[in-house]
Every structure is written in structure tokens, then in C-alpha cells.
Amino acid sequence: MIPVLQVGDRAINNNELIPLLKQYGILPQLMREIIIDSAIANDTLTPEENTQAYKQFYQQHQLNSEDDLQAWLQVRGLNREQLDYLATRNIKLENFKRSTWGDKLQSYFLQRKAKLDRVVYSLIRVKDICIAQELYFRIQEGEQSFSELAREYSQGPEAQTGGLIGPVELGVPHPVLANMLASVQPGQLLPPTSLGDWIVVVRLEKLLPSQLDEEMRQRLLNELFEHWLQTQLKENLQNIQEKSPQHQVEQNAVKSVNSEQ
């Protein structure tokens, strides 16, 4: 069998290649890049986009002259055609994201907004419900500040900040805590609540609603793209698994057992 790859004294044939890619954990990344290449294969850049792509690529790799470029290509064993692929790939990928999911961003944002809104809140956590109730009443009656009591009594790292946490997105805290914070108004103190092994006293300080600005649009585009890519990757890896010799042997064994029964 003619080897498909020669590494030193080792000749790697076609049947060995896929198992080796799996063994070294390279196969998913290779397939990811191939899926992306297929998705952007038909994208054609405008002259302006092409110029911008090269400009960004040269800046990213600090290529300030033709000599710099030639040295960079030589070290990596690349030619001009491969340079064009590398320089234009990112902008083609961004074009693919926008053309595929750009008109879905508004609805996806509304779907995700509840977890994208950010909050600043104060937290005291203790193990004893009686202590938690006592602290709650002291804060409620204005006998001591939340910050003072958090520094003295809270048993988590928030004690170092006087109980203050955030801003954090509502998708970050424990789901029960997130629901509590989403249901109250800023300044509202919540009574002691069991949260896992802790009893917590919480006060919402600020609510910072998320907005569909340019930064958020890019983030959501990336999320939708990654969801799609992971689905594609899973399907392709499954196809490879089903076509592997070992899988065929296992399937034939199952069929043999079933026929005997």
C-alpha cells in the first residue's frame, strides 16, 4: 500500500491516518476547518474587502515589507496561493455568518435577553438559618449596612468586597439566584433563601439591560455559528465512525448474534 504520509522512517498508510488523527485529538479540529472551508467556498470578496483583508492580515502578523512577507512564507513553507487563502479566510467567514444568521439576530437576542441582562447585587451566605434571619432584620431595620455585615459574616469570597458582586450576566449565577434577581427591583432586599448548602440574603443593586449593539450582534452571530458548526461536526464524526472498519466489524457481529437468535 502506498503511504499517504512519510514522517521520518515511518510511512503512514490510508488506513492508519484516521485512527492517528483521532488518537492525537486532531480529527475534530481538522474536520472543523474543512466544514468552514466548504461553507465559504463560494464567497467572493469585493476589491475593497480583499484590500482590507490583506491589511488586517499584515498588521496581525507584523509584516511591514516584502522581505518580511517572504521570510514569513518561507518559514511556514507556504506559497502565494496559500497566503491568499489565509489572508481572506476570516472576512469570508464573517460574510458567511452575516448572510446566514444576520436576519435572525433580533429574535435570537430576544430569546436570550433574559440571561444577557447584567446585574450588580449584594450577597451574604451563611450556614445557619437563624444567623441569616438576624442579619436580614438588621439590614431591613437599618441597624447595620449590608456591606458591614457581609464583611463580618459572609462565608464566601464576596466577604472581601462587602458582599458586592457584578456586573454579571443573569446566566452566570445559580439558576435559583438568577430567578430571584430577575423578579425584583433594584434596592429590594430578599429574605433568607436556601441555595444548595447555603442560606443567602440577597439585595439587587442595579439592573443593566442588554442591548443589541454591534458588540452584542457579533457575539450572537458567533454563538449561532458555533451551534451550527458543532451540529455539523457531530454529524460528520458520526459518519466517520459508522464507516470505520472497527464499527463494521461490530455491526456484523451484532447482526450475526441477532440471526442466531
Protein backbone atom coordinates (compact mmCIF):
# COMPACT_ATOMS: atom_id res chain seq x y z
CA MET A 1 0.00 0.00 0.00
CA ILE A 2 1.35 3.43 -0.97
CA PRO A 3 1.81 5.65 2.11
CA VAL A 4 -0.12 8.91 2.24
CA LEU A 5 2.35 10.47 4.68
CA GLN A 6 6.03 9.91 5.43
CA VAL A 7 7.31 11.11 8.81
CA GLY A 8 10.96 10.25 9.32
CA ASP A 9 11.28 6.49 8.97
CA ARG A 10 7.59 5.91 9.44
CA ALA A 11 5.29 5.50 6.46
CA ILE A 12 1.63 6.10 7.28
CA ASN A 13 -0.93 4.48 5.01
CA ASN A 14 -4.54 5.42 4.38
CA ASN A 15 -5.99 3.01 6.95
CA GLU A 16 -3.77 4.40 9.71
CA LEU A 17 -4.40 8.08 9.10
CA ILE A 18 -7.90 8.49 10.60
CA PRO A 19 -7.12 6.44 13.74
CA LEU A 20 -3.97 8.51 14.28
CA LEU A 21 -5.87 11.79 13.87
CA LYS A 22 -8.34 10.52 16.47
CA GLN A 23 -5.58 9.33 18.77
CA TYR A 24 -3.82 12.70 18.77
CA GLY A 25 -7.09 14.62 19.14
CA ILE A 26 -6.59 16.37 15.80
CA LEU A 27 -9.53 14.96 13.83
CA PRO A 28 -12.26 17.27 15.24
CA GLN A 29 -10.16 20.37 14.54
CA LEU A 30 -9.33 19.19 11.02
CA MET A 31 -12.99 18.49 10.29
CA ARG A 32 -13.99 21.85 11.76
CA GLU A 33 -11.69 23.66 9.32
CA ILE A 34 -12.90 21.58 6.37
CA ILE A 35 -16.55 22.32 7.22
CA ILE A 36 -15.75 26.04 7.36
CA ASP A 37 -13.91 25.87 4.03
CA SER A 38 -16.93 24.22 2.43
CA ALA A 39 -19.24 26.88 3.84
CA ILE A 40 -17.21 29.82 2.49
CA ALA A 41 -16.06 28.20 -0.77
CA ASN A 42 -18.39 30.24 -3.00
CA ASP A 43 -17.87 33.59 -1.29
CA THR A 44 -16.25 36.25 -3.50
CA LEU A 45 -14.79 39.36 -1.93
CA THR A 46 -15.11 42.83 -3.36
CA PRO A 47 -11.84 44.62 -4.15
CA GLU A 48 -12.35 46.75 -1.02
CA GLU A 49 -12.89 43.68 1.16
CA ASN A 50 -9.85 41.98 -0.33
CA THR A 51 -7.66 45.02 0.37
CA GLN A 52 -8.96 45.26 3.92
CA ALA A 53 -8.40 41.54 4.49
CA TYR A 54 -4.75 41.77 3.46
CA LYS A 55 -4.25 44.92 5.51
CA GLN A 56 -5.58 43.24 8.65
CA PHE A 57 -3.56 40.09 7.97
CA TYR A 58 -0.28 42.01 7.53
CA GLN A 59 -0.94 44.01 10.71
CA GLN A 60 -1.80 40.88 12.69
CA HIS A 61 1.46 39.18 11.70
CA GLN A 62 3.56 42.37 11.72
CA LEU A 63 4.53 42.04 8.06
CA ASN A 64 5.77 45.51 7.15
CA SER A 65 7.68 44.80 3.95
CA GLU A 66 8.02 42.34 1.08
CA ASP A 67 11.09 40.87 2.78
CA ASP A 68 9.07 40.29 5.96
CA LEU A 69 6.39 38.55 3.92
CA GLN A 70 8.82 36.33 2.03
CA ALA A 71 10.54 35.29 5.26
CA TRP A 72 7.20 34.54 6.88
CA LEU A 73 6.10 32.38 3.93
CA GLN A 74 9.42 30.56 3.76
CA VAL A 75 9.42 29.63 7.44
CA ARG A 76 5.95 28.11 7.06
CA GLY A 77 6.52 26.52 3.67
CA LEU A 78 3.64 28.47 2.09
CA ASN A 79 3.14 29.89 -1.38
CA ARG A 80 1.18 32.90 -2.63
CA GLU A 81 -1.98 30.92 -3.25
CA GLN A 82 -1.96 29.67 0.32
CA LEU A 83 -1.29 33.22 1.50
CA ASP A 84 -4.43 34.39 -0.26
CA TYR A 85 -6.41 31.64 1.45
CA LEU A 86 -5.11 32.64 4.88
CA ALA A 87 -5.49 36.38 4.36
CA THR A 88 -9.08 36.27 3.12
CA ARG A 89 -10.49 33.40 5.17
CA ASN A 90 -11.64 35.40 8.20
CA ILE A 91 -13.55 38.01 6.25
CA LYS A 92 -15.20 35.30 4.14
CA LEU A 93 -16.22 33.54 7.34
CA GLU A 94 -17.72 36.75 8.75
CA ASN A 95 -19.62 37.24 5.48
CA PHE A 96 -20.98 33.70 5.81
CA LYS A 97 -22.14 34.34 9.37
CA ARG A 98 -23.94 37.56 8.46
CA SER A 99 -25.59 36.16 5.34
CA THR A 100 -26.77 33.03 7.19
CA TRP A 101 -27.89 34.41 10.56
CA GLY A 102 -27.94 38.21 10.23
CA ASP A 103 -31.72 38.39 9.81
CA LYS A 104 -32.25 36.08 12.81
CA LEU A 105 -30.35 38.17 15.34
CA GLN A 106 -33.29 40.22 16.61
CA SER A 107 -35.40 37.18 17.50
CA TYR A 108 -32.39 35.30 18.90
CA PHE A 109 -31.48 38.31 21.04
CA LEU A 110 -35.00 38.48 22.48
CA GLN A 111 -34.83 34.75 23.16
CA ARG A 112 -31.51 35.14 25.01
CA LYS A 113 -32.09 38.54 26.60
CA ALA A 114 -33.22 37.27 29.99
CA LYS A 115 -29.79 35.72 30.52
CA LEU A 116 -27.83 38.52 28.86
CA ASP A 117 -29.10 41.30 31.12
CA ARG A 118 -26.49 42.14 33.74
CA VAL A 119 -26.94 42.74 37.43
CA VAL A 120 -25.00 44.08 40.37
CA TYR A 121 -26.11 42.54 43.64
CA SER A 122 -25.07 42.13 47.27
CA LEU A 123 -24.86 38.70 48.84
CA ILE A 124 -24.35 37.24 52.28
CA ARG A 125 -24.05 33.48 52.61
CA VAL A 126 -24.03 31.55 55.88
CA LYS A 127 -24.81 28.02 57.02
CA ASP A 128 -27.16 28.89 59.89
CA ILE A 129 -30.73 29.99 59.10
CA CYS A 130 -31.01 31.78 62.45
CA ILE A 131 -27.94 33.91 61.70
CA ALA A 132 -29.27 34.64 58.20
CA GLN A 133 -32.61 35.81 59.62
CA GLU A 134 -30.89 38.00 62.21
CA LEU A 135 -28.71 39.64 59.51
CA TYR A 136 -31.75 40.14 57.27
CA PHE A 137 -33.64 42.00 60.01
CA ARG A 138 -30.62 44.16 60.88
CA ILE A 139 -30.30 45.26 57.25
CA GLN A 140 -34.05 45.75 56.87
CA GLU A 141 -34.24 47.90 60.01
CA GLY A 142 -31.15 49.90 59.03
CA GLU A 143 -29.23 48.86 62.13
CA GLN A 144 -26.13 47.97 60.12
CA SER A 145 -25.17 48.23 56.46
CA PHE A 146 -25.22 45.26 54.13
CA SER A 147 -21.54 45.82 53.38
CA GLU A 148 -20.55 45.80 57.04
CA LEU A 149 -22.45 42.60 57.82
CA ALA A 150 -21.17 40.86 54.67
CA ARG A 151 -17.56 41.57 55.63
CA GLU A 152 -18.16 40.22 59.12
CA TYR A 153 -20.40 37.23 58.49
CA SER A 154 -20.43 36.09 54.85
CA GLN A 155 -18.52 32.86 54.37
CA GLY A 156 -17.70 33.22 50.67
CA PRO A 157 -15.20 35.35 48.73
CA GLU A 158 -17.80 38.14 48.46
CA ALA A 159 -16.92 39.00 52.08
CA GLN A 160 -13.82 40.74 50.70
CA THR A 161 -15.98 43.15 48.67
CA GLY A 162 -18.62 43.81 51.31
CA GLY A 163 -20.93 41.32 49.61
CA LEU A 164 -20.93 43.21 46.30
CA ILE A 165 -20.91 41.08 43.13
CA GLY A 166 -21.03 42.14 39.50
CA PRO A 167 -21.84 43.31 37.00
CA VAL A 168 -22.54 39.76 35.83
CA GLU A 169 -24.97 38.40 33.27
CA LEU A 170 -28.04 36.69 34.69
CA GLY A 171 -26.92 33.47 33.01
CA VAL A 172 -23.92 33.29 35.34
CA PRO A 173 -25.30 32.90 38.91
CA HIS A 174 -27.03 29.78 40.20
CA PRO A 175 -30.40 29.45 38.37
CA VAL A 176 -32.39 29.90 41.59
CA LEU A 177 -30.42 33.04 42.45
CA ALA A 178 -30.78 34.33 38.88
CA ASN A 179 -34.57 33.89 39.06
CA MET A 180 -34.64 35.73 42.36
CA LEU A 181 -32.69 38.67 40.97
CA ALA A 182 -34.80 38.79 37.80
CA SER A 183 -38.01 39.05 39.81
CA VAL A 184 -37.21 42.10 41.97
CA GLN A 185 -36.49 45.81 41.60
CA PRO A 186 -33.13 47.45 42.38
CA GLY A 187 -32.79 48.16 46.07
CA GLN A 188 -35.11 45.32 47.08
CA LEU A 189 -33.84 43.05 49.88
CA LEU A 190 -34.79 39.39 49.65
CA PRO A 191 -35.43 37.29 52.78
CA PRO A 192 -33.13 34.38 53.64
CA THR A 193 -33.31 31.66 50.99
CA SER A 194 -31.84 28.16 50.85
CA LEU A 195 -29.37 27.81 47.99
CA GLY A 196 -27.60 24.45 47.95
CA ASP A 197 -25.66 24.15 51.20
CA TRP A 198 -26.01 27.85 51.94
CA ILE A 199 -28.58 30.25 53.31
CA VAL A 200 -28.31 33.51 51.40
CA VAL A 201 -29.51 37.05 51.91
CA VAL A 202 -29.55 38.99 48.65
CA ARG A 203 -30.22 42.55 47.54
CA LEU A 204 -30.38 43.65 43.92
CA GLU A 205 -28.33 46.83 43.50
CA LYS A 206 -28.52 47.53 39.75
CA LEU A 207 -30.13 46.07 36.65
CA LEU A 208 -28.22 46.72 33.42
CA PRO A 209 -30.41 45.67 30.47
CA SER A 210 -28.57 44.19 27.50
CA GLN A 211 -28.73 45.94 24.14
CA LEU A 212 -28.37 44.68 20.59
CA ASP A 213 -25.38 46.88 19.81
CA GLU A 214 -22.58 45.94 17.41
CA GLU A 215 -20.60 44.05 20.06
CA MET A 216 -23.68 42.02 21.03
CA ARG A 217 -24.54 41.34 17.38
CA GLN A 218 -21.08 39.89 16.81
CA ARG A 219 -21.32 37.77 19.94
CA LEU A 220 -24.70 36.34 18.94
CA LEU A 221 -23.52 35.69 15.38
CA ASN A 222 -20.61 33.73 16.83
CA GLU A 223 -22.97 31.76 19.08
CA LEU A 224 -25.28 30.81 16.22
CA PHE A 225 -22.33 29.88 14.05
CA GLU A 226 -20.82 27.69 16.78
CA HIS A 227 -24.15 25.92 17.35
CA TRP A 228 -24.36 25.17 13.63
CA LEU A 229 -20.73 24.11 13.44
CA GLN A 230 -20.99 21.74 16.40
CA THR A 231 -24.04 20.09 14.80
CA GLN A 232 -22.17 19.68 11.52
CA LEU A 233 -19.12 18.34 13.31
CA LYS A 234 -21.13 15.82 15.31
CA GLU A 235 -22.86 14.51 12.19
CA ASN A 236 -19.60 14.17 10.26
CA LEU A 237 -17.77 12.45 13.12
CA GLN A 238 -20.68 10.03 13.43
CA ASN A 239 -20.47 9.25 9.71
CA ILE A 240 -16.76 8.52 10.02
CA GLN A 241 -17.39 6.29 13.00
CA GLU A 242 -20.07 4.34 11.13
CA LYS A 243 -17.77 3.80 8.16
CA SER A 244 -14.75 2.72 10.20
CA PRO A 245 -13.59 -0.92 9.85
CA GLN A 246 -14.00 -1.50 13.59
CA HIS A 247 -17.58 -0.26 13.51
CA GLN A 248 -18.33 -2.52 10.55
CA VAL A 249 -16.92 -5.49 12.45
CA GLU A 250 -19.06 -4.65 15.49
CA GLN A 251 -22.17 -4.24 13.34
CA ASN A 252 -21.56 -7.56 11.60
CA ALA A 253 -21.12 -9.22 14.99
CA VAL A 254 -24.45 -7.80 16.16
CA LYS A 255 -26.18 -8.99 13.01
CA SER A 256 -24.66 -12.43 13.44
CA VAL A 257 -25.91 -12.69 17.04
CA ASN A 258 -29.38 -11.49 16.04
CA SER A 259 -29.61 -14.01 13.19
CA GLU A 260 -28.66 -16.85 15.55
CA GLN A 261 -31.40 -15.85 17.93
